[in-house]
Amino acid sequence: AKNCDTGINMLVGRRWVSLPLLWLVGSLAGDPAGYRRKVSLEYNPGSNSSSDNLLHVRAVGHNDTIHYVWSTIGAPTVLLVYTGSENSTLHVNWTKLLSPSPFGAINIEPASSVLYSTAVIFTKVFEYNGANTSDLFKVPVDEFYPTYNLANFTWESLGGKMNETMLTATFQGVSSSPHEAFGNGSISFQVTAYEESSRDTRLPHLLHTANCSKVNFIMSGVPPRGNHSRFALEIVTVEEREGRKQLESLRSIDDEYTPTIFEMAQLVSVPHNHSTTSSFLQWKTTAYSSQRAERADTIHCQYYPLQTTNCTVPSSSIAHAYFGEELESHHGVAAINISFGSEDSEAYEERHYLSWSALIGFGEPPKDTFSTLVIAILAVGLGTPVVLLVGGSITALVTRKKRYSEYEPIN
C-alpha cells in the first residue's frame, strides 16, 4: 500500500496523468455479472421458544439453494447444505434435537435435492502465557490456563440480536463455570449473510460472493488471567462421506485492501469420488484489538497444521443432529488452531478486545487480484520509464545519423 501511495504521488506531479481518471477506472473493478441470491433469516423455525438458539439462513439462487444452519445448542456450529432445488426446506425435530440422542433431528427436504453438506464447529478457546513465545505449539503445558469450552457456555437469546434487513445476527455467550471469572466480558459470533459479490467496508476488507457468509469471532471485556495472556481458537470441521479438508496459503505482494497483510489462508474441501462440489473456510492472517478495526489495531494471527487424526466433534454440537451417529467413523473430521497476538504485543491486555473474521461458503473461495486502479498505476509507473528509454534511444540514433550526414565523403 505504501508503494502504491508513493506511485500516486509521483504521478500527480505529471500533467499528462489524470488522477480522477485513474480513480474512475479503479471504481469499475468488481463483478459485472452481479449474481444475486435471495437471502432470508429464520429464528428457531418450528419452535416458539427463545431459550435455544438456531438460525436458518436460506440463500436461494438460480435452481439451487444454500442452507446455513447456525446454532449455539452445544458448541457453536454452522451446517452448510447445498441443494439443487430452489424449493428445498429445513425441518427440525425439536423434541429429538434437545434430547440426549439428537441424531436425525435436522434434515433438508427433499433429501434427494441435497448435493453437498459440511459443518464448522467452534469448540474451544485456549489462554496461555505468551511472554516468551506466541507459538501455540512451543508453549509449555504448565503455561496454559484452564480451557474455555464453548459447548458449556450460556448463550443469550438471539431474539433482539438479529437484523433481517442487514442480514446479521449475533450469538453472545459467557462462561457458565463458577471458576471462570468473566466479569462483564463475553465471547460472540457475529454472522453476516450476503446476497451478492462485494467487499467489506471494514478491515480486513474480505472479498465475498453470494455463495458465502461471514463469521466474526469477538472476545470483549474478558479479563485475562495473566500479564502476558494470548488466546487461540480451536475449530473442527466435518466433511461428508469421508471427504477431507486441505489447508492452503495464498501469498501476494499486494496489500492494497489489508495493509501490511500479505497472506490469505483457507481450508478447502478436496473433491471426493470425482465430485465437483466443495466448500471453504477463508481468512486473512490478521485480527484486530478494537471495534474500529483500523490499521493501528492489527494483531498478529497465526494458524497451525491441520490435524486429521484423533479428532472428535463435541457430543452436543448440532453436527450430530444432521450427520447422525458415529459421525467420526463415517465422515472426515479435522481440526485447526488459530492463535492471536505476538510475544512483543500486549494489545489484548491493554484493550480487552479481540476480533477475527472468516468466510464460510460453497464452491470456489473468492480470490483477491490487483484492482484496476493498481494495474493502471503500475502500467503508468512502469511503462513511463520504458517509453522514455525507447524514445531517448530513438532520438539519440536520429541525432547521431544527422550529425554524420553533414560531412562530405573524401575521395
Foldseek 3Di string as FASTA:
>chain_A
DVVLVVLVVVVVPDPVDDPVVLVVQLVPPDDPVWFFWDWFKDWPPPDPDQQWTWIWIWTAGDQKIWIWIFTLQFFTKIKIWIFRHRPKDKAADVVLLPDLFLAQRIDIPPNVRTDFMKMKTFFWKWKFFDQPWQPPVPGDPVRTDDIQTSRQWRWHGQVVQADRVQQKTKIWTDHPDPVFCQDPKIKMKMKGADTAWDWDPAPVGDTDGNFKIKIKIKTASGAHPDQRMWMKIKMKMWGAQAWEKDKDKDFDPDCPRPPPFGIKIKIKIDDDPPDQKIKMKIFTQWKALDPRRDNVRTWGKDKDDKAFPPDDDPSRDCVCSYCHPPRVVGIGMIMIMMIIHTSPDPSCNVRVMMMTMIMIGMHDGDDDDDRSSSVVSCCCSVVVVVVVVVVVVVVVVVVVVVVVVPDDDDD
